[in-house]
Amino acid sequence: MTPGVAALGAEAVNRAIKAISIFDDFCEDNDPRHEHDFGAIDIEGQKVFFKIDYYSPDLKTGSEDPSDPSVTRRVMTVMLASEY
């Protein structure tokens, strides 16, 4: 999580993580490739983005096959929209 999200405080961060864990508002506008790896929620009056990226096991390059967990490490970033 970014410093901006952390600055919202522990309770807001917990609400954000819970909201992200149940997020299912994927549609053609926000998920045109049907990957379900980006979303936006509102917490404490702030727009919060989450994004999942797919890296190789050494976390230095992108994964050769994001669908294969043996060659992929997923990393989620949670940030305020204003930090983008």
N, C-alpha and C. Protein backbone atom coordinates (compact mmCIF):
# COMPACT_ATOMS: atom_id res chain seq x y z
N MET A 1 0.84 -1.17 0.00
CA MET A 1 0.00 0.00 0.00
C MET A 1 0.88 1.23 0.00
N THR A 2 0.35 2.27 -0.59
CA THR A 2 1.11 3.51 -0.69
C THR A 2 0.99 4.32 0.60
N PRO A 3 1.87 5.30 0.78
CA PRO A 3 1.79 6.14 1.97
C PRO A 3 0.44 6.86 2.10
N GLY A 4 -0.16 7.24 1.00
CA GLY A 4 -1.44 7.93 1.06
C GLY A 4 -2.54 7.06 1.64
N VAL A 5 -2.56 5.79 1.27
CA VAL A 5 -3.55 4.86 1.83
C VAL A 5 -3.25 4.64 3.31
N ALA A 6 -2.00 4.41 3.65
CA ALA A 6 -1.62 4.20 5.05
C ALA A 6 -2.02 5.39 5.91
N ALA A 7 -1.93 6.59 5.36
CA ALA A 7 -2.25 7.80 6.11
C ALA A 7 -3.74 7.91 6.45
N LEU A 8 -4.58 7.12 5.80
CA LEU A 8 -6.01 7.12 6.12
C LEU A 8 -6.27 6.51 7.50
N GLY A 9 -5.30 5.75 8.01
CA GLY A 9 -5.43 5.13 9.34
C GLY A 9 -5.78 3.66 9.24
N ALA A 10 -5.52 2.96 10.32
CA ALA A 10 -5.67 1.50 10.35
C ALA A 10 -7.10 1.05 10.07
N GLU A 11 -8.08 1.74 10.64
CA GLU A 11 -9.48 1.33 10.43
C GLU A 11 -9.87 1.50 8.97
N ALA A 12 -9.48 2.60 8.34
CA ALA A 12 -9.79 2.81 6.93
C ALA A 12 -9.08 1.79 6.05
N VAL A 13 -7.83 1.49 6.38
CA VAL A 13 -7.09 0.47 5.63
C VAL A 13 -7.80 -0.88 5.74
N ASN A 14 -8.23 -1.24 6.93
CA ASN A 14 -8.95 -2.51 7.10
C ASN A 14 -10.23 -2.52 6.28
N ARG A 15 -10.96 -1.40 6.26
CA ARG A 15 -12.18 -1.33 5.44
C ARG A 15 -11.84 -1.46 3.95
N ALA A 16 -10.75 -0.84 3.54
CA ALA A 16 -10.34 -0.91 2.14
C ALA A 16 -9.99 -2.35 1.75
N ILE A 17 -9.22 -3.02 2.58
CA ILE A 17 -8.83 -4.40 2.28
C ILE A 17 -10.07 -5.29 2.22
N LYS A 18 -11.00 -5.10 3.14
CA LYS A 18 -12.23 -5.90 3.11
C LYS A 18 -13.02 -5.61 1.84
N ALA A 19 -13.15 -4.33 1.48
CA ALA A 19 -13.89 -3.96 0.27
C ALA A 19 -13.22 -4.54 -0.98
N ILE A 20 -11.91 -4.52 -1.02
CA ILE A 20 -11.19 -5.09 -2.16
C ILE A 20 -11.42 -6.60 -2.23
N SER A 21 -11.42 -7.26 -1.08
CA SER A 21 -11.56 -8.72 -1.07
C SER A 21 -12.92 -9.18 -1.59
N ILE A 22 -13.93 -8.32 -1.50
CA ILE A 22 -15.26 -8.72 -1.98
C ILE A 22 -15.65 -7.98 -3.27
N PHE A 23 -14.76 -7.17 -3.81
CA PHE A 23 -15.05 -6.40 -5.00
C PHE A 23 -15.41 -7.32 -6.16
N ASP A 24 -16.52 -7.02 -6.81
CA ASP A 24 -16.91 -7.82 -7.98
C ASP A 24 -17.58 -6.97 -9.06
N ASP A 25 -17.31 -5.67 -9.03
CA ASP A 25 -17.93 -4.74 -9.97
C ASP A 25 -17.12 -4.63 -11.26
N PHE A 26 -16.70 -5.75 -11.80
CA PHE A 26 -15.94 -5.75 -13.05
C PHE A 26 -16.92 -5.68 -14.21
N CYS A 27 -16.61 -4.81 -15.16
CA CYS A 27 -17.47 -4.66 -16.34
C CYS A 27 -16.60 -4.31 -17.54
N GLU A 28 -17.22 -4.19 -18.68
CA GLU A 28 -16.48 -3.89 -19.91
C GLU A 28 -15.72 -2.57 -19.80
N ASP A 29 -16.27 -1.59 -19.08
CA ASP A 29 -15.61 -0.29 -18.97
C ASP A 29 -14.34 -0.33 -18.14
N ASN A 30 -14.33 -1.10 -17.04
CA ASN A 30 -13.16 -1.10 -16.16
C ASN A 30 -12.34 -2.38 -16.27
N ASP A 31 -12.80 -3.34 -17.06
CA ASP A 31 -12.09 -4.62 -17.20
C ASP A 31 -12.27 -5.18 -18.61
N PRO A 32 -11.84 -4.42 -19.63
CA PRO A 32 -12.10 -4.84 -21.01
C PRO A 32 -11.45 -6.17 -21.40
N ARG A 33 -10.39 -6.57 -20.71
CA ARG A 33 -9.72 -7.84 -21.03
C ARG A 33 -10.18 -8.99 -20.13
N HIS A 34 -11.10 -8.70 -19.23
CA HIS A 34 -11.68 -9.71 -18.32
C HIS A 34 -10.61 -10.36 -17.45
N GLU A 35 -9.64 -9.55 -17.00
CA GLU A 35 -8.55 -10.07 -16.17
C GLU A 35 -8.81 -9.89 -14.68
N HIS A 36 -9.74 -9.04 -14.32
CA HIS A 36 -10.08 -8.79 -12.91
C HIS A 36 -8.85 -8.42 -12.08
N ASP A 37 -7.98 -7.57 -12.63
CA ASP A 37 -6.75 -7.21 -11.93
C ASP A 37 -6.66 -5.72 -11.59
N PHE A 38 -7.78 -5.00 -11.73
CA PHE A 38 -7.82 -3.59 -11.39
C PHE A 38 -9.22 -3.25 -10.90
N GLY A 39 -9.29 -2.37 -9.92
CA GLY A 39 -10.59 -1.91 -9.45
C GLY A 39 -10.45 -0.60 -8.71
N ALA A 40 -11.59 0.02 -8.46
CA ALA A 40 -11.63 1.29 -7.72
C ALA A 40 -12.77 1.23 -6.71
N ILE A 41 -12.47 1.69 -5.51
CA ILE A 41 -13.46 1.75 -4.44
C ILE A 41 -13.38 3.11 -3.78
N ASP A 42 -14.37 3.46 -2.99
CA ASP A 42 -14.35 4.70 -2.22
C ASP A 42 -14.22 4.37 -0.74
N ILE A 43 -13.22 4.97 -0.10
CA ILE A 43 -12.98 4.79 1.33
C ILE A 43 -12.68 6.16 1.92
N GLU A 44 -13.37 6.49 3.01
CA GLU A 44 -13.13 7.77 3.69
C GLU A 44 -13.22 8.95 2.73
N GLY A 45 -14.13 8.87 1.77
CA GLY A 45 -14.30 9.95 0.81
C GLY A 45 -13.19 10.04 -0.23
N GLN A 46 -12.35 9.03 -0.28
CA GLN A 46 -11.23 8.99 -1.22
C GLN A 46 -11.45 7.85 -2.22
N LYS A 47 -11.11 8.09 -3.47
CA LYS A 47 -11.11 7.02 -4.46
C LYS A 47 -9.81 6.24 -4.27
N VAL A 48 -9.94 4.93 -4.11
CA VAL A 48 -8.79 4.05 -3.90
C VAL A 48 -8.74 3.05 -5.05
N PHE A 49 -7.58 2.94 -5.68
CA PHE A 49 -7.37 1.97 -6.76
C PHE A 49 -6.64 0.76 -6.20
N PHE A 50 -6.93 -0.40 -6.76
CA PHE A 50 -6.07 -1.56 -6.53
C PHE A 50 -5.72 -2.17 -7.87
N LYS A 51 -4.49 -2.65 -7.97
CA LYS A 51 -3.97 -3.20 -9.21
C LYS A 51 -3.12 -4.41 -8.88
N ILE A 52 -3.33 -5.51 -9.60
CA ILE A 52 -2.53 -6.71 -9.43
C ILE A 52 -1.61 -6.83 -10.63
N ASP A 53 -0.31 -6.97 -10.37
CA ASP A 53 0.68 -7.19 -11.41
C ASP A 53 1.25 -8.59 -11.27
N TYR A 54 1.75 -9.11 -12.38
CA TYR A 54 2.20 -10.50 -12.45
C TYR A 54 3.69 -10.53 -12.78
N TYR A 55 4.48 -10.99 -11.82
CA TYR A 55 5.94 -10.98 -11.96
C TYR A 55 6.50 -12.40 -12.02
N SER A 56 7.73 -12.47 -12.53
CA SER A 56 8.47 -13.73 -12.47
C SER A 56 8.80 -14.02 -11.01
N PRO A 57 9.18 -15.26 -10.68
CA PRO A 57 9.47 -15.59 -9.28
C PRO A 57 10.53 -14.71 -8.62
N ASP A 58 11.47 -14.17 -9.40
CA ASP A 58 12.50 -13.31 -8.80
C ASP A 58 12.03 -11.85 -8.66
N LEU A 59 10.80 -11.57 -9.09
CA LEU A 59 10.18 -10.25 -8.99
C LEU A 59 10.92 -9.17 -9.79
N LYS A 60 11.73 -9.59 -10.78
CA LYS A 60 12.50 -8.62 -11.56
C LYS A 60 11.89 -8.34 -12.93
N THR A 61 11.11 -9.27 -13.46
CA THR A 61 10.50 -9.10 -14.78
C THR A 61 9.06 -9.57 -14.72
N GLY A 62 8.34 -9.31 -15.78
CA GLY A 62 6.97 -9.81 -15.86
C GLY A 62 6.96 -11.32 -16.01
N SER A 63 5.88 -11.94 -15.58
CA SER A 63 5.74 -13.39 -15.68
C SER A 63 5.59 -13.82 -17.13
N GLU A 64 6.21 -14.94 -17.46
CA GLU A 64 6.06 -15.52 -18.80
C GLU A 64 4.64 -16.01 -19.03
N ASP A 65 3.99 -16.49 -17.95
CA ASP A 65 2.63 -17.03 -18.05
C ASP A 65 1.89 -16.71 -16.76
N PRO A 66 1.20 -15.56 -16.71
CA PRO A 66 0.52 -15.16 -15.47
C PRO A 66 -0.50 -16.17 -14.94
N SER A 67 -0.96 -17.07 -15.78
CA SER A 67 -1.93 -18.07 -15.32
C SER A 67 -1.28 -19.25 -14.62
N ASP A 68 0.04 -19.33 -14.67
CA ASP A 68 0.77 -20.46 -14.07
C ASP A 68 1.42 -20.02 -12.76
N PRO A 69 0.86 -20.45 -11.62
CA PRO A 69 1.41 -20.03 -10.32
C PRO A 69 2.85 -20.47 -10.08
N SER A 70 3.33 -21.47 -10.80
CA SER A 70 4.71 -21.91 -10.57
C SER A 70 5.73 -20.94 -11.16
N VAL A 71 5.30 -20.05 -12.05
CA VAL A 71 6.22 -19.07 -12.64
C VAL A 71 5.74 -17.64 -12.42
N THR A 72 4.81 -17.48 -11.48
CA THR A 72 4.21 -16.16 -11.29
C THR A 72 4.10 -15.79 -9.81
N ARG A 73 4.46 -14.55 -9.51
CA ARG A 73 4.21 -13.97 -8.20
C ARG A 73 3.30 -12.78 -8.43
N ARG A 74 2.17 -12.78 -7.78
CA ARG A 74 1.22 -11.67 -7.92
C ARG A 74 1.49 -10.63 -6.84
N VAL A 75 1.48 -9.38 -7.24
CA VAL A 75 1.72 -8.28 -6.32
C VAL A 75 0.58 -7.28 -6.49
N MET A 76 -0.12 -6.99 -5.38
CA MET A 76 -1.20 -6.03 -5.42
C MET A 76 -0.71 -4.69 -4.86
N THR A 77 -1.02 -3.63 -5.58
CA THR A 77 -0.75 -2.28 -5.12
C THR A 77 -2.10 -1.64 -4.79
N VAL A 78 -2.18 -1.00 -3.63
CA VAL A 78 -3.37 -0.28 -3.22
C VAL A 78 -2.94 1.18 -3.06
N MET A 79 -3.59 2.08 -3.82
CA MET A 79 -3.17 3.48 -3.83
C MET A 79 -4.36 4.41 -3.93
N LEU A 80 -4.18 5.62 -3.46
CA LEU A 80 -5.18 6.65 -3.69
C LEU A 80 -5.14 7.03 -5.16
N ALA A 81 -6.29 7.32 -5.74
CA ALA A 81 -6.34 7.74 -7.14
C ALA A 81 -5.46 8.97 -7.34
N SER A 82 -5.42 9.83 -6.35
CA SER A 82 -4.60 11.04 -6.46
C SER A 82 -3.09 10.75 -6.50
N GLU A 83 -2.69 9.54 -6.11
CA GLU A 83 -1.27 9.17 -6.16
C GLU A 83 -0.87 8.56 -7.49
N TYR A 84 -1.84 8.34 -8.37
CA TYR A 84 -1.56 7.70 -9.66
C TYR A 84 -0.80 8.61 -10.58
